[in-house]
Amino acid sequence: TFEEAQKIVDEYIAFYNYERIQLKTRQTPYQTRCLSL
């Protein structure tokens, strides 16, 4: 259903932004943004 698909997409976006470690910086994208402020 649409609700299930929306939940899966939301979870993936959260993972991509807050948990995924980048090989170049060894940090999550969120950590990189916080440090650049």
C-alpha atoms as a PDB file:
ATOM      1  CA  THR A   1       0.000   0.000   0.000  1.00  0.00           C
ATOM      2  CA  PHE A   2       0.963   3.636  -0.250  1.00  0.00           C
ATOM      3  CA  GLU A   3       1.367   3.960   3.521  1.00  0.00           C
ATOM      4  CA  GLU A   4       3.800   1.040   3.650  1.00  0.00           C
ATOM      5  CA  ALA A   5       5.816   2.427   0.758  1.00  0.00           C
ATOM      6  CA  GLN A   6       5.905   5.867   2.386  1.00  0.00           C
ATOM      7  CA  LYS A   7       7.161   4.363   5.654  1.00  0.00           C
ATOM      8  CA  ILE A   8       9.929   2.453   3.850  1.00  0.00           C
ATOM      9  CA  VAL A   9      11.018   5.586   1.984  1.00  0.00           C
ATOM     10  CA  ASP A  10      11.027   7.663   5.184  1.00  0.00           C
ATOM     11  CA  GLU A  11      13.141   5.054   6.978  1.00  0.00           C
ATOM     12  CA  TYR A  12      15.612   4.943   4.086  1.00  0.00           C
ATOM     13  CA  ILE A  13      15.934   8.739   4.021  1.00  0.00           C
ATOM     14  CA  ALA A  14      16.586   8.779   7.778  1.00  0.00           C
ATOM     15  CA  PHE A  15      19.230   6.065   7.373  1.00  0.00           C
ATOM     16  CA  TYR A  16      20.853   7.856   4.426  1.00  0.00           C
ATOM     17  CA  ASN A  17      21.111  11.170   6.286  1.00  0.00           C
ATOM     18  CA  TYR A  18      21.815  10.119   9.873  1.00  0.00           C
ATOM     19  CA  GLU A  19      23.376   6.635   9.970  1.00  0.00           C
ATOM     20  CA  ARG A  20      25.246   6.021   6.706  1.00  0.00           C
ATOM     21  CA  ILE A  21      28.990   6.494   7.127  1.00  0.00           C
ATOM     22  CA  GLN A  22      30.731   8.162   4.195  1.00  0.00           C
ATOM     23  CA  LEU A  23      34.035   6.590   3.175  1.00  0.00           C
ATOM     24  CA  LYS A  24      35.705   9.933   2.438  1.00  0.00           C
ATOM     25  CA  THR A  25      34.956  11.721   5.731  1.00  0.00           C
ATOM     26  CA  ARG A  26      34.231   8.705   7.976  1.00  0.00           C
ATOM     27  CA  GLN A  27      31.210  10.625   9.266  1.00  0.00           C
ATOM     28  CA  THR A  28      27.504  10.694   8.610  1.00  0.00           C
ATOM     29  CA  PRO A  29      26.167  13.484   6.377  1.00  0.00           C
ATOM     30  CA  TYR A  30      24.445  14.939   9.463  1.00  0.00           C
ATOM     31  CA  GLN A  31      27.740  15.119  11.379  1.00  0.00           C
ATOM     32  CA  THR A  32      29.420  16.758   8.400  1.00  0.00           C
ATOM     33  CA  ARG A  33      26.707  19.430   8.226  1.00  0.00           C
ATOM     34  CA  CYS A  34      26.920  20.100  11.978  1.00  0.00           C
ATOM     35  CA  LEU A  35      30.694  20.543  11.849  1.00  0.00           C
ATOM     36  CA  SER A  36      30.516  22.987   8.952  1.00  0.00           C
ATOM     37  CA  LEU A  37      28.420  25.503  10.901  1.00  0.00           C
END
